[in-house]
Amino acid sequence: MNIRVLTLGHLAENCYLVENSGCVVIIDPGFEPEAVLRAAGERKIEAILLTHGHFDHVGAVEALAEKCGCPVWMHQADYSPGLHPMREALYPLADWPREVMLCEEGDSISAAGLRFQVLETPGHTWGSVCYRCGSALFSGDTLFAGSCGRTDLPGGSPEAMRRSLARLRELPGDCTVYPGHGDATTLARERQENPYF
């Protein structure tokens, strides 16, 4: 497994390309679909995984899914028009790919010969999730190096964020954390240095 990060857009959002066996899984393509496609090259894009539904993490989804025809995975709470706290900040849901798969706690998503475990971590949004794949944790805007995601936007909750961070802190062992913004870190380092932990 090889993990490549593209920092894209005016909000410097991290889009990840997880490569394995000549295929790729894209996590949080927020901007610049052409740049993501160039980075993928000849590799088959097997899936797009979204950690949450804010515009800076989903902005390139429609173009990428239309181009490659792959399924898009996200949590129900950040997709349903009846529940979505930031619906106006998203691209219109009617324009999204028809192949949207809804995930929840405990799901295991198989793509590119890899398995991504879904961990529900609300707090930044109602439907925020992290994806764990081996020793890698893709934390979206839940956990950053030395910090955590903001909770003052619609759908955010300080109480839920505290519970989610406590859950991540108690995960067994160590892993590399790949956040939605900023540098990668490790759970071991965050347990020692992150005041929000």
Protein backbone atom coordinates (compact mmCIF):
# COMPACT_ATOMS: atom_id res chain seq x y z
CA MET A 1 0.00 0.00 0.00
CA ASN A 2 1.28 3.44 -0.95
CA ILE A 3 -0.35 6.65 0.28
CA ARG A 4 0.01 9.87 -1.66
CA VAL A 5 -1.33 13.21 -0.46
CA LEU A 6 -2.49 16.05 -2.70
CA THR A 7 -3.05 19.34 -0.88
CA LEU A 8 -5.65 21.11 -3.00
CA GLY A 9 -7.76 24.25 -3.16
CA HIS A 10 -7.79 27.53 -1.29
CA LEU A 11 -8.42 25.74 2.02
CA ALA A 12 -5.38 23.45 1.60
CA GLU A 13 -7.49 20.31 1.96
CA ASN A 14 -5.72 16.95 1.91
CA CYS A 15 -6.91 14.47 -0.70
CA TYR A 16 -5.39 11.01 -0.36
CA LEU A 17 -4.67 8.46 -3.05
CA VAL A 18 -4.26 5.01 -1.51
CA GLU A 19 -2.57 2.83 -4.12
CA ASN A 20 -2.40 -0.95 -4.12
CA SER A 21 -2.02 -3.61 -6.81
CA GLY A 22 -2.34 -1.13 -9.67
CA CYS A 23 -5.57 0.36 -8.31
CA VAL A 24 -6.35 3.40 -6.20
CA VAL A 25 -8.86 4.54 -3.60
CA ILE A 26 -9.41 8.29 -3.34
CA ILE A 27 -10.25 9.82 0.02
CA ASP A 28 -11.84 13.30 0.27
CA PRO A 29 -11.38 14.79 -3.20
CA GLY A 30 -12.36 18.36 -2.41
CA PHE A 31 -10.94 20.31 -5.34
CA GLU A 32 -9.21 20.05 -8.72
CA PRO A 33 -10.50 16.77 -10.18
CA GLU A 34 -8.04 17.08 -13.07
CA ALA A 35 -5.11 17.07 -10.65
CA VAL A 36 -6.50 14.01 -8.89
CA LEU A 37 -6.91 12.18 -12.19
CA ARG A 38 -3.37 13.08 -13.23
CA ALA A 39 -2.05 11.75 -9.94
CA ALA A 40 -3.98 8.51 -10.38
CA GLY A 41 -2.49 8.08 -13.83
CA GLU A 42 -3.27 4.74 -15.41
CA ARG A 43 -4.36 3.16 -12.14
CA LYS A 44 -7.99 2.14 -11.88
CA ILE A 45 -9.94 4.26 -9.38
CA GLU A 46 -12.00 1.68 -7.49
CA ALA A 47 -13.73 3.85 -4.88
CA ILE A 48 -14.07 7.32 -3.39
CA LEU A 49 -14.37 7.50 0.40
CA LEU A 50 -15.62 10.65 2.11
CA THR A 51 -14.92 11.39 5.76
CA HIS A 52 -17.72 13.98 5.87
CA GLY A 53 -19.82 16.14 3.62
CA HIS A 54 -18.34 19.65 3.79
CA PHE A 55 -17.75 21.25 0.42
CA ASP A 56 -13.96 21.33 0.76
CA HIS A 57 -13.92 17.52 1.00
CA VAL A 58 -16.48 16.65 -1.69
CA GLY A 59 -16.13 19.31 -4.39
CA ALA A 60 -14.46 17.05 -6.96
CA VAL A 61 -16.67 14.00 -6.35
CA GLU A 62 -19.13 14.54 -9.17
CA ALA A 63 -16.48 14.99 -11.86
CA LEU A 64 -14.35 12.09 -10.66
CA ALA A 65 -17.21 9.62 -10.28
CA GLU A 66 -18.58 10.56 -13.69
CA LYS A 67 -15.17 9.99 -15.24
CA CYS A 68 -14.32 6.68 -13.56
CA GLY A 69 -17.75 5.27 -12.69
CA CYS A 70 -16.69 4.17 -9.22
CA PRO A 71 -18.88 4.06 -6.10
CA VAL A 72 -18.79 6.90 -3.59
CA TRP A 73 -19.01 6.07 0.12
CA MET A 74 -20.16 8.40 2.89
CA HIS A 75 -22.18 8.34 6.10
CA GLN A 76 -25.96 8.63 5.93
CA ALA A 77 -26.05 11.64 8.28
CA ASP A 78 -23.97 13.74 5.90
CA TYR A 79 -25.87 12.67 2.80
CA SER A 80 -29.60 12.60 3.47
CA PRO A 81 -31.27 15.86 2.38
CA GLY A 82 -33.55 15.59 5.38
CA LEU A 83 -30.69 15.37 7.86
CA HIS A 84 -27.74 17.16 6.31
CA PRO A 85 -26.76 20.20 8.40
CA MET A 86 -24.66 21.75 5.62
CA ARG A 87 -26.79 20.88 2.59
CA GLU A 88 -26.47 24.31 1.01
CA ALA A 89 -22.67 24.07 1.23
CA LEU A 90 -22.65 20.91 -0.86
CA TYR A 91 -23.03 20.46 -4.53
CA PRO A 92 -26.73 19.74 -5.21
CA LEU A 93 -27.36 16.14 -4.24
CA ALA A 94 -29.42 15.57 -7.38
CA ASP A 95 -26.26 16.15 -9.42
CA TRP A 96 -24.21 13.61 -7.53
CA PRO A 97 -23.39 10.19 -8.93
CA ARG A 98 -26.20 7.71 -8.61
CA GLU A 99 -23.77 5.20 -7.14
CA VAL A 100 -23.58 6.62 -3.61
CA MET A 101 -23.06 3.96 -0.95
CA LEU A 102 -23.94 4.74 2.65
CA CYS A 103 -21.66 3.46 5.38
CA GLU A 104 -21.98 3.22 9.14
CA GLU A 105 -20.09 2.07 12.21
CA GLY A 106 -18.47 -1.32 11.81
CA ASP A 107 -18.71 -1.48 8.02
CA SER A 108 -15.68 -2.77 6.17
CA ILE A 109 -15.25 -1.37 2.68
CA SER A 110 -13.21 -3.47 0.26
CA ALA A 111 -11.47 -1.71 -2.62
CA ALA A 112 -8.11 -2.00 -4.40
CA GLY A 113 -7.40 -5.20 -2.49
CA LEU A 114 -7.63 -3.31 0.82
CA ARG A 115 -10.16 -3.15 3.64
CA PHE A 116 -11.20 0.16 5.18
CA GLN A 117 -12.91 -0.08 8.57
CA VAL A 118 -15.51 2.62 9.22
CA LEU A 119 -15.35 4.38 12.60
CA GLU A 120 -18.15 6.82 13.37
CA THR A 121 -16.59 9.97 14.86
CA PRO A 122 -19.24 12.72 14.97
CA GLY A 123 -18.43 16.15 16.32
CA HIS A 124 -17.25 18.12 13.31
CA THR A 125 -20.42 17.03 11.50
CA TRP A 126 -23.13 14.56 12.41
CA GLY A 127 -21.83 12.09 9.86
CA SER A 128 -18.08 12.40 10.29
CA VAL A 129 -16.21 9.11 10.03
CA CYS A 130 -12.62 7.92 10.09
CA TYR A 131 -11.35 5.08 7.92
CA ARG A 132 -8.76 2.67 9.28
CA CYS A 133 -6.76 0.60 6.84
CA GLY A 134 -4.00 -1.45 8.41
CA SER A 135 -1.72 0.97 10.25
CA ALA A 136 -3.24 4.05 8.56
CA LEU A 137 -6.08 6.16 9.96
CA PHE A 138 -7.74 8.72 7.68
CA SER A 139 -9.25 11.14 10.18
CA GLY A 140 -10.85 13.82 8.02
CA ASP A 141 -11.58 16.88 10.15
CA THR A 142 -11.94 14.96 13.41
CA LEU A 143 -8.28 14.75 14.45
CA PHE A 144 -5.40 16.99 13.38
CA ALA A 145 -1.78 17.09 14.49
CA GLY A 146 -1.98 18.83 17.85
CA SER A 147 -5.61 19.81 17.43
CA CYS A 148 -9.08 18.70 16.36
CA GLY A 149 -11.82 19.82 14.00
CA ARG A 150 -14.01 22.79 14.76
CA THR A 151 -17.41 22.17 16.29
CA ASP A 152 -19.08 25.56 15.82
CA LEU A 153 -20.56 24.89 12.38
CA PRO A 154 -24.08 23.49 11.88
CA GLY A 155 -24.02 19.83 12.81
CA GLY A 156 -21.00 20.24 15.05
CA SER A 157 -21.02 19.24 18.70
CA PRO A 158 -18.27 19.75 21.32
CA GLU A 159 -19.67 16.88 23.38
CA ALA A 160 -19.70 14.49 20.42
CA MET A 161 -16.19 15.59 19.46
CA ARG A 162 -14.91 14.83 22.97
CA ARG A 163 -16.40 11.33 22.78
CA SER A 164 -14.94 10.76 19.31
CA LEU A 165 -11.47 11.91 20.34
CA ALA A 166 -11.62 9.70 23.44
CA ARG A 167 -12.51 6.79 21.20
CA LEU A 168 -9.54 7.45 18.89
CA ARG A 169 -7.22 7.86 21.88
CA GLU A 170 -8.22 4.43 23.13
CA LEU A 171 -7.68 2.60 19.85
CA PRO A 172 -5.22 -0.23 20.41
CA GLY A 173 -1.65 0.22 19.28
CA ASP A 174 -0.32 2.99 17.11
CA CYS A 175 -1.05 4.11 13.57
CA THR A 176 -0.22 6.94 11.23
CA VAL A 177 -2.96 9.58 11.15
CA TYR A 178 -3.74 11.25 7.83
CA PRO A 179 -5.91 14.32 8.57
CA GLY A 180 -8.08 16.43 6.31
CA HIS A 181 -5.77 19.45 6.71
CA GLY A 182 -2.16 19.79 7.79
CA ASP A 183 0.60 17.30 8.37
CA ALA A 184 0.35 13.61 9.12
CA THR A 185 0.96 12.49 12.67
CA THR A 186 0.66 9.35 14.79
CA LEU A 187 -1.74 8.29 17.49
CA ALA A 188 1.19 7.81 19.86
CA ARG A 189 2.32 11.40 19.36
CA GLU A 190 -1.21 12.76 19.77
CA ARG A 191 -1.70 10.79 23.00
CA GLN A 192 1.35 12.57 24.38
CA GLU A 193 1.05 16.06 22.89
CA ASN A 194 -2.50 16.84 21.80
CA PRO A 195 -4.31 18.86 24.49
CA TYR A 196 -7.70 17.85 23.05
CA PHE A 197 -6.86 14.21 23.73
